[in-house]
Amino acid sequence: MWSLVLMGLAGLLVGGALSFRQQKSPRWVQIVFYGLAGMSLLAAYLLTLPAS
């Protein structure tokens, strides 16, 4: 369940980064959004691993 929420959040963050790119915002804002999206996908993946 939480992995799906995190994947959806990652999609929103990537969309935000693309939107900021079209608006010619500073480069660091786009990098932050892509970084947060990557961390969200990593967390979603880690939640799918079996607990041992």
C-alpha atoms as a PDB file:
ATOM      1  CA  MET A   1       0.000   0.000   0.000  1.00  0.00           C
ATOM      2  CA  TRP A   2       2.642   2.534   1.012  1.00  0.00           C
ATOM      3  CA  SER A   3       4.802   1.622  -1.946  1.00  0.00           C
ATOM      4  CA  LEU A   4       1.996   2.677  -4.288  1.00  0.00           C
ATOM      5  CA  VAL A   5       1.640   5.986  -2.460  1.00  0.00           C
ATOM      6  CA  LEU A   6       5.380   6.596  -2.729  1.00  0.00           C
ATOM      7  CA  MET A   7       5.373   5.757  -6.446  1.00  0.00           C
ATOM      8  CA  GLY A   8       2.539   8.221  -6.970  1.00  0.00           C
ATOM      9  CA  LEU A   9       4.476  10.852  -5.040  1.00  0.00           C
ATOM     10  CA  ALA A  10       7.501  10.208  -7.243  1.00  0.00           C
ATOM     11  CA  GLY A  11       5.352  10.772 -10.320  1.00  0.00           C
ATOM     12  CA  LEU A  12       4.105  14.084  -8.947  1.00  0.00           C
ATOM     13  CA  LEU A  13       7.651  15.170  -8.136  1.00  0.00           C
ATOM     14  CA  VAL A  14       8.896  14.332 -11.636  1.00  0.00           C
ATOM     15  CA  GLY A  15       5.956  16.256 -13.081  1.00  0.00           C
ATOM     16  CA  GLY A  16       6.865  19.199 -10.882  1.00  0.00           C
ATOM     17  CA  ALA A  17      10.478  19.062 -12.039  1.00  0.00           C
ATOM     18  CA  LEU A  18       9.385  19.043 -15.669  1.00  0.00           C
ATOM     19  CA  SER A  19       7.056  21.955 -14.983  1.00  0.00           C
ATOM     20  CA  PHE A  20       9.871  23.935 -13.376  1.00  0.00           C
ATOM     21  CA  ARG A  21      12.047  23.188 -16.407  1.00  0.00           C
ATOM     22  CA  GLN A  22       9.435  24.713 -18.724  1.00  0.00           C
ATOM     23  CA  GLN A  23       9.217  27.770 -16.459  1.00  0.00           C
ATOM     24  CA  LYS A  24      12.995  28.282 -16.697  1.00  0.00           C
ATOM     25  CA  SER A  25      13.413  28.084 -12.934  1.00  0.00           C
ATOM     26  CA  PRO A  26      16.861  27.641 -11.340  1.00  0.00           C
ATOM     27  CA  ARG A  27      18.580  24.364 -12.116  1.00  0.00           C
ATOM     28  CA  TRP A  28      18.950  23.422  -8.436  1.00  0.00           C
ATOM     29  CA  VAL A  29      15.160  23.351  -7.982  1.00  0.00           C
ATOM     30  CA  GLN A  30      14.833  20.753 -10.727  1.00  0.00           C
ATOM     31  CA  ILE A  31      17.684  18.706  -9.271  1.00  0.00           C
ATOM     32  CA  VAL A  32      16.049  18.748  -5.830  1.00  0.00           C
ATOM     33  CA  PHE A  33      12.734  17.547  -7.261  1.00  0.00           C
ATOM     34  CA  TYR A  34      14.412  14.751  -9.243  1.00  0.00           C
ATOM     35  CA  GLY A  35      16.422  13.766  -6.159  1.00  0.00           C
ATOM     36  CA  LEU A  36      13.295  13.596  -4.000  1.00  0.00           C
ATOM     37  CA  ALA A  37      11.547  11.533  -6.680  1.00  0.00           C
ATOM     38  CA  GLY A  38      14.489   9.127  -6.746  1.00  0.00           C
ATOM     39  CA  MET A  39      14.464   8.778  -2.974  1.00  0.00           C
ATOM     40  CA  SER A  40      10.717   8.152  -3.049  1.00  0.00           C
ATOM     41  CA  LEU A  41      11.166   5.361  -5.603  1.00  0.00           C
ATOM     42  CA  LEU A  42      13.996   3.882  -3.552  1.00  0.00           C
ATOM     43  CA  ALA A  43      11.820   3.895  -0.431  1.00  0.00           C
ATOM     44  CA  ALA A  44       8.982   2.254  -2.369  1.00  0.00           C
ATOM     45  CA  TYR A  45      11.368  -0.467  -3.537  1.00  0.00           C
ATOM     46  CA  LEU A  46      12.735  -1.041  -0.051  1.00  0.00           C
ATOM     47  CA  LEU A  47       9.206  -1.439   1.287  1.00  0.00           C
ATOM     48  CA  THR A  48       8.586  -4.269  -1.180  1.00  0.00           C
ATOM     49  CA  LEU A  49      11.549  -6.319   0.061  1.00  0.00           C
ATOM     50  CA  PRO A  50      10.665  -9.193   2.386  1.00  0.00           C
ATOM     51  CA  ALA A  51      11.482  -8.593   6.031  1.00  0.00           C
ATOM     52  CA  SER A  52      14.099 -10.980   7.353  1.00  0.00           C
END
